[in-house]
Amino acid sequence: MPRFYFDIHDEEWNRDTTGHEFSNLDDAIAQAKRTLPAMALDHLPQNGDHHTVTVLVTDEDGRPVYTATLSFNGLLLGR
């Protein structure tokens, strides 16, 4: 089975050096889509109302094959 790596950008890049095996690219993309919202919930902005988390999926040869970004933007409305 092919191995895919999930690098995460959450104010800095965190490289995935282990990777995960999936039967195909579609399964790896589905995992990336599930992972991103879960990570965003754990990392809501503490000092502001804007935060972005990105996942970059690469294949066994280090080639980027998929990327997704989730953004949080809050706005305090007048009272």
C-alpha atoms as a PDB file:
ATOM      1  CA  MET A   1       0.000   0.000   0.000  1.00  0.00           C
ATOM      2  CA  PRO A   2       1.229   3.504  -0.728  1.00  0.00           C
ATOM      3  CA  ARG A   3       2.349   5.721   2.143  1.00  0.00           C
ATOM      4  CA  PHE A   4       1.224   9.336   2.447  1.00  0.00           C
ATOM      5  CA  TYR A   5       2.560  12.062   4.714  1.00  0.00           C
ATOM      6  CA  PHE A   6       0.469  14.769   6.362  1.00  0.00           C
ATOM      7  CA  ASP A   7       2.429  17.956   7.037  1.00  0.00           C
ATOM      8  CA  ILE A   8       0.507  20.428   9.182  1.00  0.00           C
ATOM      9  CA  HIS A   9       0.897  24.204   9.196  1.00  0.00           C
ATOM     10  CA  ASP A  10      -0.441  25.726  12.414  1.00  0.00           C
ATOM     11  CA  GLU A  11       1.623  28.928  12.756  1.00  0.00           C
ATOM     12  CA  GLU A  12       4.654  26.790  11.829  1.00  0.00           C
ATOM     13  CA  TRP A  13       5.218  23.662   9.743  1.00  0.00           C
ATOM     14  CA  ASN A  14       5.133  20.311  11.516  1.00  0.00           C
ATOM     15  CA  ARG A  15       6.529  17.654   9.199  1.00  0.00           C
ATOM     16  CA  ASP A  16       5.136  14.141   9.227  1.00  0.00           C
ATOM     17  CA  THR A  17       8.144  11.828   9.117  1.00  0.00           C
ATOM     18  CA  THR A  18       6.193   8.607   9.702  1.00  0.00           C
ATOM     19  CA  GLY A  19       3.299   8.779   7.268  1.00  0.00           C
ATOM     20  CA  HIS A  20       0.327   6.454   6.995  1.00  0.00           C
ATOM     21  CA  GLU A  21      -0.522   3.720   4.536  1.00  0.00           C
ATOM     22  CA  PHE A  22      -3.725   4.023   2.518  1.00  0.00           C
ATOM     23  CA  SER A  23      -5.042   1.868  -0.277  1.00  0.00           C
ATOM     24  CA  ASN A  24      -5.242   4.875  -2.609  1.00  0.00           C
ATOM     25  CA  LEU A  25      -5.029   8.670  -2.852  1.00  0.00           C
ATOM     26  CA  ASP A  26      -8.780   9.109  -2.340  1.00  0.00           C
ATOM     27  CA  ASP A  27      -8.558   7.433   1.073  1.00  0.00           C
ATOM     28  CA  ALA A  28      -5.633   9.667   2.047  1.00  0.00           C
ATOM     29  CA  ILE A  29      -7.595  12.763   0.987  1.00  0.00           C
ATOM     30  CA  ALA A  30     -10.593  11.629   3.019  1.00  0.00           C
ATOM     31  CA  GLN A  31      -8.334  11.291   6.065  1.00  0.00           C
ATOM     32  CA  ALA A  32      -6.928  14.784   5.502  1.00  0.00           C
ATOM     33  CA  LYS A  33     -10.464  16.174   5.356  1.00  0.00           C
ATOM     34  CA  ARG A  34     -11.332  14.486   8.682  1.00  0.00           C
ATOM     35  CA  THR A  35      -8.092  15.534  10.370  1.00  0.00           C
ATOM     36  CA  LEU A  36      -8.251  19.234   9.546  1.00  0.00           C
ATOM     37  CA  PRO A  37     -11.469  20.139  11.410  1.00  0.00           C
ATOM     38  CA  ALA A  38     -10.432  18.072  14.434  1.00  0.00           C
ATOM     39  CA  MET A  39      -7.108  19.916  14.626  1.00  0.00           C
ATOM     40  CA  ALA A  40      -8.795  23.292  14.256  1.00  0.00           C
ATOM     41  CA  LEU A  41     -11.048  22.564  17.234  1.00  0.00           C
ATOM     42  CA  ASP A  42      -8.002  21.838  19.378  1.00  0.00           C
ATOM     43  CA  HIS A  43      -6.253  25.029  18.269  1.00  0.00           C
ATOM     44  CA  LEU A  44      -8.796  27.841  18.379  1.00  0.00           C
ATOM     45  CA  PRO A  45      -7.146  31.269  18.525  1.00  0.00           C
ATOM     46  CA  GLN A  46      -6.210  32.366  22.032  1.00  0.00           C
ATOM     47  CA  ASN A  47      -5.084  35.892  21.233  1.00  0.00           C
ATOM     48  CA  GLY A  48      -7.338  37.050  18.447  1.00  0.00           C
ATOM     49  CA  ASP A  49     -10.129  36.001  16.185  1.00  0.00           C
ATOM     50  CA  HIS A  50      -8.218  34.656  13.193  1.00  0.00           C
ATOM     51  CA  HIS A  51      -6.546  31.305  12.775  1.00  0.00           C
ATOM     52  CA  THR A  52      -5.657  29.104   9.803  1.00  0.00           C
ATOM     53  CA  VAL A  53      -4.650  25.445   9.750  1.00  0.00           C
ATOM     54  CA  THR A  54      -3.333  23.787   6.580  1.00  0.00           C
ATOM     55  CA  VAL A  55      -2.607  20.167   5.750  1.00  0.00           C
ATOM     56  CA  LEU A  56      -0.260  19.235   2.901  1.00  0.00           C
ATOM     57  CA  VAL A  57      -0.371  15.613   1.787  1.00  0.00           C
ATOM     58  CA  THR A  58       2.685  14.258   0.006  1.00  0.00           C
ATOM     59  CA  ASP A  59       3.313  10.855  -1.537  1.00  0.00           C
ATOM     60  CA  GLU A  60       6.171   8.435  -0.939  1.00  0.00           C
ATOM     61  CA  ASP A  61       8.371  10.384  -3.349  1.00  0.00           C
ATOM     62  CA  GLY A  62       7.794  13.657  -1.483  1.00  0.00           C
ATOM     63  CA  ARG A  63       5.535  15.095  -4.198  1.00  0.00           C
ATOM     64  CA  PRO A  64       2.598  17.222  -3.002  1.00  0.00           C
ATOM     65  CA  VAL A  65      -0.662  15.526  -3.985  1.00  0.00           C
ATOM     66  CA  TYR A  66      -3.300  17.432  -1.987  1.00  0.00           C
ATOM     67  CA  THR A  67      -3.641  20.447   0.257  1.00  0.00           C
ATOM     68  CA  ALA A  68      -6.518  21.890   2.261  1.00  0.00           C
ATOM     69  CA  THR A  69      -6.857  24.905   4.522  1.00  0.00           C
ATOM     70  CA  LEU A  70      -9.402  25.648   7.215  1.00  0.00           C
ATOM     71  CA  SER A  71      -9.769  29.211   8.494  1.00  0.00           C
ATOM     72  CA  PHE A  72     -11.411  30.558  11.632  1.00  0.00           C
ATOM     73  CA  ASN A  73     -12.457  34.205  11.605  1.00  0.00           C
ATOM     74  CA  GLY A  74     -14.393  35.765  14.444  1.00  0.00           C
ATOM     75  CA  LEU A  75     -15.841  39.256  14.586  1.00  0.00           C
ATOM     76  CA  LEU A  76     -17.266  40.943  17.674  1.00  0.00           C
ATOM     77  CA  LEU A  77     -20.377  42.807  16.610  1.00  0.00           C
ATOM     78  CA  GLY A  78     -21.556  46.066  18.134  1.00  0.00           C
ATOM     79  CA  ARG A  79     -23.714  45.717  21.202  1.00  0.00           C
END
